[in-house]
Amino acid sequence: MTLVSNTTVEVDNEQFLRLCDRLSAFLLQTRKRNLAHALVGDDEFSNDMVAEDFKSFEKDLTSGLQLTSYDQLRIQSRVRKILRSSNT
């Protein structure tokens, strides 16, 4: 078992990575959805868009969108805090 050393807590590396992946996926999906909603607009064609059309629009529009290294560092910091609080 690999442990990640922190000044105040040692956490299971697998658990740390799983939580980082979950939070990263959630943040990325939220950003994609918000971007798609912002760019749909309010013209006559946008008003006729149904759920299936929006999902396709969102997928096409946001393919290749990634989190920044700053986002990843913030997520890792948040996960450390979560794991630290769950160990006390």
N, C-alpha and C. Protein backbone atom coordinates (compact mmCIF):
# COMPACT_ATOMS: atom_id res chain seq x y z
N MET A 1 0.85 -1.17 0.00
CA MET A 1 0.00 0.00 0.00
C MET A 1 0.89 1.23 0.00
N THR A 2 0.63 2.16 -0.89
CA THR A 2 1.40 3.39 -0.99
C THR A 2 0.71 4.47 -0.17
N LEU A 3 1.50 5.17 0.61
CA LEU A 3 0.95 6.24 1.42
C LEU A 3 1.48 7.57 0.94
N VAL A 4 0.63 8.58 0.98
CA VAL A 4 1.03 9.94 0.65
C VAL A 4 1.34 10.63 1.96
N SER A 5 2.54 11.15 2.09
CA SER A 5 2.92 11.81 3.34
C SER A 5 2.54 13.28 3.29
N ASN A 6 1.96 13.71 4.34
CA ASN A 6 1.60 15.11 4.51
C ASN A 6 2.12 15.50 5.88
N THR A 7 2.30 16.77 6.16
CA THR A 7 2.86 17.16 7.45
C THR A 7 1.95 16.77 8.61
N THR A 8 0.66 16.65 8.38
CA THR A 8 -0.24 16.36 9.48
C THR A 8 -0.97 15.03 9.34
N VAL A 9 -0.94 14.42 8.17
CA VAL A 9 -1.72 13.21 7.99
C VAL A 9 -1.11 12.35 6.90
N GLU A 10 -1.24 11.05 7.06
CA GLU A 10 -0.87 10.13 5.99
C GLU A 10 -2.16 9.53 5.46
N VAL A 11 -2.32 9.54 4.15
CA VAL A 11 -3.54 9.03 3.55
C VAL A 11 -3.22 7.93 2.57
N ASP A 12 -4.14 7.05 2.39
CA ASP A 12 -4.02 5.98 1.43
C ASP A 12 -3.98 6.58 0.03
N ASN A 13 -2.95 6.29 -0.73
CA ASN A 13 -2.77 6.87 -2.06
C ASN A 13 -3.93 6.52 -2.99
N GLU A 14 -4.42 5.30 -2.91
CA GLU A 14 -5.53 4.89 -3.77
C GLU A 14 -6.79 5.70 -3.48
N GLN A 15 -7.08 5.88 -2.21
CA GLN A 15 -8.25 6.67 -1.82
C GLN A 15 -8.07 8.12 -2.26
N PHE A 16 -6.88 8.66 -2.09
CA PHE A 16 -6.57 10.03 -2.50
C PHE A 16 -6.80 10.20 -4.00
N LEU A 17 -6.28 9.27 -4.79
CA LEU A 17 -6.42 9.35 -6.24
C LEU A 17 -7.87 9.20 -6.69
N ARG A 18 -8.61 8.29 -6.05
CA ARG A 18 -10.02 8.13 -6.42
C ARG A 18 -10.83 9.39 -6.14
N LEU A 19 -10.60 10.01 -4.99
CA LEU A 19 -11.32 11.24 -4.66
C LEU A 19 -10.92 12.39 -5.60
N CYS A 20 -9.64 12.47 -5.93
CA CYS A 20 -9.19 13.50 -6.88
C CYS A 20 -9.87 13.30 -8.23
N ASP A 21 -9.94 12.05 -8.68
CA ASP A 21 -10.59 11.76 -9.96
C ASP A 21 -12.07 12.13 -9.93
N ARG A 22 -12.76 11.79 -8.84
CA ARG A 22 -14.19 12.11 -8.73
C ARG A 22 -14.44 13.61 -8.74
N LEU A 23 -13.66 14.35 -7.96
CA LEU A 23 -13.85 15.80 -7.91
C LEU A 23 -13.46 16.44 -9.24
N SER A 24 -12.42 15.93 -9.89
CA SER A 24 -12.01 16.46 -11.19
C SER A 24 -13.10 16.24 -12.24
N ALA A 25 -13.65 15.04 -12.25
CA ALA A 25 -14.71 14.73 -13.22
C ALA A 25 -15.94 15.60 -12.97
N PHE A 26 -16.28 15.80 -11.70
CA PHE A 26 -17.44 16.63 -11.36
C PHE A 26 -17.22 18.07 -11.80
N LEU A 27 -16.05 18.62 -11.49
CA LEU A 27 -15.76 20.01 -11.87
C LEU A 27 -15.75 20.19 -13.38
N LEU A 28 -15.13 19.26 -14.08
CA LEU A 28 -15.08 19.35 -15.54
C LEU A 28 -16.47 19.27 -16.14
N GLN A 29 -17.29 18.35 -15.67
CA GLN A 29 -18.65 18.22 -16.20
C GLN A 29 -19.49 19.46 -15.90
N THR A 30 -19.31 20.02 -14.71
CA THR A 30 -20.04 21.24 -14.34
C THR A 30 -19.63 22.40 -15.24
N ARG A 31 -18.35 22.54 -15.48
CA ARG A 31 -17.88 23.61 -16.37
C ARG A 31 -18.39 23.44 -17.79
N LYS A 32 -18.39 22.21 -18.27
CA LYS A 32 -18.89 21.95 -19.62
C LYS A 32 -20.37 22.32 -19.72
N ARG A 33 -21.15 21.91 -18.75
CA ARG A 33 -22.58 22.19 -18.76
C ARG A 33 -22.84 23.69 -18.69
N ASN A 34 -22.12 24.37 -17.79
CA ASN A 34 -22.29 25.82 -17.65
C ASN A 34 -21.88 26.57 -18.92
N LEU A 35 -20.79 26.14 -19.55
CA LEU A 35 -20.36 26.77 -20.79
C LEU A 35 -21.40 26.58 -21.89
N ALA A 36 -21.91 25.37 -22.00
CA ALA A 36 -22.92 25.09 -23.03
C ALA A 36 -24.18 25.92 -22.78
N HIS A 37 -24.61 26.01 -21.53
CA HIS A 37 -25.80 26.82 -21.21
C HIS A 37 -25.57 28.29 -21.56
N ALA A 38 -24.37 28.78 -21.28
CA ALA A 38 -24.07 30.18 -21.56
C ALA A 38 -24.03 30.47 -23.06
N LEU A 39 -23.61 29.48 -23.85
CA LEU A 39 -23.45 29.71 -25.29
C LEU A 39 -24.67 29.33 -26.12
N VAL A 40 -25.64 28.70 -25.51
CA VAL A 40 -26.85 28.34 -26.26
C VAL A 40 -27.55 29.60 -26.76
N GLY A 41 -27.61 30.59 -25.91
CA GLY A 41 -28.25 31.84 -26.32
C GLY A 41 -29.75 31.79 -26.13
N ASP A 42 -30.42 32.81 -26.62
CA ASP A 42 -31.87 32.88 -26.47
C ASP A 42 -32.55 33.25 -27.79
N ASP A 43 -31.97 32.79 -28.89
CA ASP A 43 -32.58 33.05 -30.19
C ASP A 43 -33.68 32.02 -30.46
N GLU A 44 -34.34 32.12 -31.59
CA GLU A 44 -35.47 31.25 -31.90
C GLU A 44 -35.06 29.79 -32.03
N PHE A 45 -33.85 29.51 -32.48
CA PHE A 45 -33.41 28.12 -32.61
C PHE A 45 -33.08 27.51 -31.25
N SER A 46 -32.54 28.30 -30.36
CA SER A 46 -32.19 27.82 -29.02
C SER A 46 -33.43 27.46 -28.22
N ASN A 47 -34.50 28.19 -28.42
CA ASN A 47 -35.73 27.91 -27.68
C ASN A 47 -36.34 26.56 -28.05
N ASP A 48 -36.06 26.08 -29.26
CA ASP A 48 -36.60 24.80 -29.71
C ASP A 48 -35.69 23.63 -29.37
N MET A 49 -34.57 23.88 -28.70
CA MET A 49 -33.61 22.82 -28.38
C MET A 49 -34.17 21.94 -27.26
N VAL A 50 -34.17 20.64 -27.50
CA VAL A 50 -34.63 19.68 -26.49
C VAL A 50 -33.40 19.07 -25.81
N ALA A 51 -33.64 18.24 -24.80
CA ALA A 51 -32.56 17.67 -23.99
C ALA A 51 -31.54 16.93 -24.83
N GLU A 52 -32.00 16.13 -25.77
CA GLU A 52 -31.07 15.37 -26.62
C GLU A 52 -30.19 16.31 -27.45
N ASP A 53 -30.80 17.37 -27.99
CA ASP A 53 -30.04 18.34 -28.78
C ASP A 53 -29.00 19.04 -27.91
N PHE A 54 -29.40 19.39 -26.68
CA PHE A 54 -28.48 20.09 -25.80
C PHE A 54 -27.29 19.21 -25.44
N LYS A 55 -27.53 17.94 -25.14
CA LYS A 55 -26.43 17.03 -24.81
C LYS A 55 -25.45 16.90 -25.98
N SER A 56 -25.98 16.82 -27.18
CA SER A 56 -25.13 16.75 -28.36
C SER A 56 -24.35 18.05 -28.53
N PHE A 57 -25.02 19.18 -28.35
CA PHE A 57 -24.38 20.49 -28.45
C PHE A 57 -23.28 20.61 -27.40
N GLU A 58 -23.58 20.20 -26.18
CA GLU A 58 -22.60 20.27 -25.09
C GLU A 58 -21.38 19.40 -25.40
N LYS A 59 -21.62 18.20 -25.88
CA LYS A 59 -20.52 17.27 -26.19
C LYS A 59 -19.64 17.82 -27.30
N ASP A 60 -20.25 18.31 -28.37
CA ASP A 60 -19.49 18.84 -29.50
C ASP A 60 -18.72 20.11 -29.11
N LEU A 61 -19.36 20.96 -28.36
CA LEU A 61 -18.78 22.24 -28.00
C LEU A 61 -17.60 22.09 -27.05
N THR A 62 -17.70 21.17 -26.12
CA THR A 62 -16.72 21.11 -25.05
C THR A 62 -15.72 19.96 -25.19
N SER A 63 -15.69 19.29 -26.33
CA SER A 63 -14.70 18.23 -26.48
C SER A 63 -13.31 18.86 -26.41
N GLY A 64 -12.44 18.26 -25.66
CA GLY A 64 -11.09 18.79 -25.49
C GLY A 64 -10.94 19.74 -24.32
N LEU A 65 -12.03 20.14 -23.69
CA LEU A 65 -11.95 21.02 -22.53
C LEU A 65 -11.30 20.26 -21.38
N GLN A 66 -10.33 20.87 -20.73
CA GLN A 66 -9.61 20.22 -19.64
C GLN A 66 -9.47 21.16 -18.47
N LEU A 67 -9.18 20.58 -17.32
CA LEU A 67 -8.91 21.38 -16.13
C LEU A 67 -7.47 21.87 -16.19
N THR A 68 -7.23 23.00 -15.58
CA THR A 68 -5.87 23.55 -15.55
C THR A 68 -5.07 22.88 -14.43
N SER A 69 -3.77 23.09 -14.44
CA SER A 69 -2.95 22.53 -13.36
C SER A 69 -3.31 23.21 -12.03
N TYR A 70 -3.71 24.47 -12.09
CA TYR A 70 -4.17 25.15 -10.87
C TYR A 70 -5.43 24.48 -10.32
N ASP A 71 -6.36 24.10 -11.20
CA ASP A 71 -7.55 23.38 -10.77
C ASP A 71 -7.17 22.08 -10.07
N GLN A 72 -6.22 21.36 -10.66
CA GLN A 72 -5.79 20.08 -10.09
C GLN A 72 -5.15 20.28 -8.72
N LEU A 73 -4.34 21.31 -8.57
CA LEU A 73 -3.72 21.58 -7.26
C LEU A 73 -4.77 21.91 -6.21
N ARG A 74 -5.76 22.69 -6.59
CA ARG A 74 -6.84 23.03 -5.65
C ARG A 74 -7.64 21.80 -5.26
N ILE A 75 -7.90 20.92 -6.23
CA ILE A 75 -8.63 19.68 -5.94
C ILE A 75 -7.81 18.81 -4.99
N GLN A 76 -6.52 18.67 -5.24
CA GLN A 76 -5.68 17.87 -4.36
C GLN A 76 -5.65 18.43 -2.94
N SER A 77 -5.60 19.74 -2.84
CA SER A 77 -5.63 20.38 -1.52
C SER A 77 -6.96 20.09 -0.81
N ARG A 78 -8.04 20.18 -1.56
CA ARG A 78 -9.36 19.91 -0.98
C ARG A 78 -9.48 18.46 -0.52
N VAL A 79 -8.96 17.53 -1.31
CA VAL A 79 -9.02 16.11 -0.95
C VAL A 79 -8.19 15.86 0.30
N ARG A 80 -7.02 16.47 0.42
CA ARG A 80 -6.22 16.32 1.64
C ARG A 80 -7.00 16.79 2.87
N LYS A 81 -7.70 17.91 2.73
CA LYS A 81 -8.49 18.42 3.85
C LYS A 81 -9.62 17.46 4.19
N ILE A 82 -10.27 16.92 3.18
CA ILE A 82 -11.36 15.97 3.41
C ILE A 82 -10.84 14.73 4.13
N LEU A 83 -9.73 14.20 3.65
CA LEU A 83 -9.17 13.00 4.26
C LEU A 83 -8.64 13.27 5.66
N ARG A 84 -8.07 14.43 5.85
CA ARG A 84 -7.58 14.80 7.17
C ARG A 84 -8.72 14.88 8.17
N SER A 85 -9.82 15.49 7.75
CA SER A 85 -10.96 15.63 8.68
C SER A 85 -11.64 14.29 8.93
N SER A 86 -11.58 13.37 7.98
CA SER A 86 -12.21 12.06 8.19
C SER A 86 -11.35 11.15 9.06
N ASN A 87 -10.04 11.46 9.19
CA ASN A 87 -9.15 10.65 10.01
C ASN A 87 -9.10 11.11 11.46
N THR A 88 -9.66 12.25 11.75
CA THR A 88 -9.62 12.73 13.14
C THR A 88 -10.89 12.43 13.88
